[in-house]
C-alpha atoms as a PDB file:
ATOM      1  CA  MET A   1       0.063   0.110   0.137  1.00  0.00           C
ATOM      2  CA  LYS A   2       1.356   3.487  -1.004  1.00  0.00           C
ATOM      3  CA  GLU A   3       1.446   6.277   1.656  1.00  0.00           C
ATOM      4  CA  ALA A   4      -0.216   9.604   0.983  1.00  0.00           C
ATOM      5  CA  THR A   5       2.236  12.402   0.232  1.00  0.00           C
ATOM      6  CA  PRO A   6       2.009  15.143   2.784  1.00  0.00           C
ATOM      7  CA  VAL A   7       0.987  18.663   1.658  1.00  0.00           C
ATOM      8  CA  THR A   8       3.443  21.438   2.002  1.00  0.00           C
ATOM      9  CA  LEU A   9       2.856  25.023   3.388  1.00  0.00           C
ATOM     10  CA  ASP A  10       3.591  26.334  -0.077  1.00  0.00           C
ATOM     11  CA  GLU A  11       0.821  24.188  -1.584  1.00  0.00           C
ATOM     12  CA  ILE A  12      -1.640  25.341   0.945  1.00  0.00           C
ATOM     13  CA  GLY A  13      -0.930  29.102   0.143  1.00  0.00           C
ATOM     14  CA  SER A  14      -2.032  28.314  -3.526  1.00  0.00           C
ATOM     15  CA  LEU A  15      -5.128  25.959  -2.935  1.00  0.00           C
ATOM     16  CA  PRO A  16      -8.361  26.823  -4.516  1.00  0.00           C
ATOM     17  CA  VAL A  17     -11.554  27.577  -2.676  1.00  0.00           C
ATOM     18  CA  ALA A  18     -12.819  24.151  -3.049  1.00  0.00           C
ATOM     19  CA  LEU A  19     -10.862  20.809  -3.217  1.00  0.00           C
ATOM     20  CA  ASP A  20     -11.189  17.429  -4.880  1.00  0.00           C
ATOM     21  CA  PRO A  21     -11.712  14.613  -2.301  1.00  0.00           C
ATOM     22  CA  VAL A  22      -8.182  13.125  -3.021  1.00  0.00           C
ATOM     23  CA  THR A  23      -6.512  16.392  -2.322  1.00  0.00           C
ATOM     24  CA  ALA A  24      -8.568  17.066   0.939  1.00  0.00           C
ATOM     25  CA  GLY A  25      -7.812  13.503   2.073  1.00  0.00           C
ATOM     26  CA  ARG A  26      -4.222  13.885   1.396  1.00  0.00           C
ATOM     27  CA  MET A  27      -4.156  17.078   3.596  1.00  0.00           C
ATOM     28  CA  LEU A  28      -5.861  15.065   6.392  1.00  0.00           C
ATOM     29  CA  GLY A  29      -3.525  12.210   5.988  1.00  0.00           C
ATOM     30  CA  LEU A  30      -5.965   9.905   4.435  1.00  0.00           C
ATOM     31  CA  GLY A  31      -5.550   7.583   1.366  1.00  0.00           C
ATOM     32  CA  ARG A  32      -7.694   7.635  -1.679  1.00  0.00           C
ATOM     33  CA  THR A  33      -9.608   4.505  -0.584  1.00  0.00           C
ATOM     34  CA  THR A  34     -10.210   5.748   2.834  1.00  0.00           C
ATOM     35  CA  THR A  35     -11.272   8.986   1.661  1.00  0.00           C
ATOM     36  CA  TYR A  36     -13.923   7.759  -0.660  1.00  0.00           C
ATOM     37  CA  ARG A  37     -15.284   5.299   1.854  1.00  0.00           C
ATOM     38  CA  LEU A  38     -15.663   8.071   4.431  1.00  0.00           C
ATOM     39  CA  LEU A  39     -17.488  10.194   1.954  1.00  0.00           C
ATOM     40  CA  ARG A  40     -19.863   7.362   1.098  1.00  0.00           C
ATOM     41  CA  GLN A  41     -20.558   6.547   4.723  1.00  0.00           C
ATOM     42  CA  GLY A  42     -21.114  10.416   5.513  1.00  0.00           C
ATOM     43  CA  ALA A  43     -18.232  10.261   8.031  1.00  0.00           C
ATOM     44  CA  PHE A  44     -15.741  12.499   6.260  1.00  0.00           C
ATOM     45  CA  PRO A  45     -14.228  14.773   9.098  1.00  0.00           C
ATOM     46  CA  VAL A  46     -14.999  18.043   7.292  1.00  0.00           C
ATOM     47  CA  PRO A  47     -18.119  19.450   5.533  1.00  0.00           C
ATOM     48  CA  VAL A  48     -18.426  18.233   1.884  1.00  0.00           C
ATOM     49  CA  HIS A  49     -21.078  18.829  -0.671  1.00  0.00           C
ATOM     50  CA  ARG A  50     -22.254  17.113  -3.798  1.00  0.00           C
ATOM     51  CA  ALA A  51     -21.924  18.800  -7.119  1.00  0.00           C
ATOM     52  CA  GLY A  52     -23.922  16.211  -9.356  1.00  0.00           C
ATOM     53  CA  ARG A  53     -21.818  13.034  -9.062  1.00  0.00           C
ATOM     54  CA  ALA A  54     -18.804  14.757  -7.762  1.00  0.00           C
ATOM     55  CA  TRP A  55     -17.786  15.647  -4.273  1.00  0.00           C
ATOM     56  CA  VAL A  56     -16.457  19.098  -3.383  1.00  0.00           C
ATOM     57  CA  VAL A  57     -14.685  20.010  -0.091  1.00  0.00           C
ATOM     58  CA  PRO A  58     -14.357  23.655   0.826  1.00  0.00           C
ATOM     59  CA  THR A  59     -10.766  24.418   1.589  1.00  0.00           C
ATOM     60  CA  ALA A  60     -11.553  26.603   4.552  1.00  0.00           C
ATOM     61  CA  GLY A  61     -13.273  23.541   6.266  1.00  0.00           C
ATOM     62  CA  VAL A  62     -10.101  21.412   5.783  1.00  0.00           C
ATOM     63  CA  LEU A  63      -7.762  24.235   7.066  1.00  0.00           C
ATOM     64  CA  ALA A  64     -10.142  24.820  10.113  1.00  0.00           C
ATOM     65  CA  HIS A  65     -10.310  21.049  10.904  1.00  0.00           C
ATOM     66  CA  LEU A  66      -6.418  21.261  10.903  1.00  0.00           C
ATOM     67  CA  GLY A  67      -6.425  24.304  13.156  1.00  0.00           C
ATOM     68  CA  LEU A  68      -4.951  26.723  10.668  1.00  0.00           C
ATOM     69  CA  ASP A  69      -5.999  30.146  10.142  1.00  0.00           C
ATOM     70  CA  VAL A  70      -7.197  30.676   6.578  1.00  0.00           C
ATOM     71  CA  THR A  71      -6.187  34.454   6.602  1.00  0.00           C
ATOM     72  CA  VAL A  72      -2.427  33.325   7.097  1.00  0.00           C
ATOM     73  CA  PHE A  73      -2.264  31.777   3.746  1.00  0.00           C
ATOM     74  CA  HIS A  74      -4.216  34.600   1.925  1.00  0.00           C
ATOM     75  CA  ARG A  75      -2.071  36.382  -0.424  1.00  0.00           C
ATOM     76  CA  GLY A  76      -4.337  39.315  -1.120  1.00  0.00           C
ATOM     77  CA  GLY A  77      -6.821  40.127  -3.862  1.00  0.00           C
ATOM     78  CA  CYS A  78      -9.113  37.356  -5.332  1.00  0.00           C
ATOM     79  CA  GLY A  79      -6.291  35.242  -6.702  1.00  0.00           C
ATOM     80  CA  CYS A  80      -7.567  35.360 -10.261  1.00  0.00           C
ATOM     81  CA  GLY A  81      -5.112  37.987 -11.454  1.00  0.00           C
ATOM     82  CA  ALA A  82      -7.829  40.072 -13.012  1.00  0.00           C
ATOM     83  CA  ARG A  83      -7.292  43.073 -10.640  1.00  0.00           C
ATOM     84  CA  GLU A  84      -4.760  44.166  -8.075  1.00  0.00           C
ATOM     85  CA  ASP A  85      -5.241  43.929  -4.332  1.00  0.00           C
ATOM     86  CA  ASP A  86      -7.319  47.030  -3.356  1.00  0.00           C
ATOM     87  CA  ARG A  87      -5.677  47.210   0.040  1.00  0.00           C
ATOM     88  CA  LYS A  88      -2.282  48.210  -1.501  1.00  0.00           C
ATOM     89  CA  GLY A  89      -1.183  51.621   0.127  1.00  0.00           C
ATOM     90  CA  ARG A  90      -3.655  51.427   2.926  1.00  0.00           C
ATOM     91  CA  PRO A  91      -2.524  51.105   6.537  1.00  0.00           C
END
């Protein structure tokens, strides 16, 4: 059996708003099989949503479960690159 690769702090800073189950499970130290078994049983340790047949796991829920403050990893702006951070130049 292959162990899940841990997630680095650099990866956390670039995460999207919602995660796929494998990434969320990896962040929680779970393998793919265990992740999907917990999802089917309704026992996944963080809130999840269904989008059609797919599972969607909000990143904020995973970070909160791990005791990490979401704002520590926020780099400013919306992250889409369409506009600059409107807080620049403010105290």
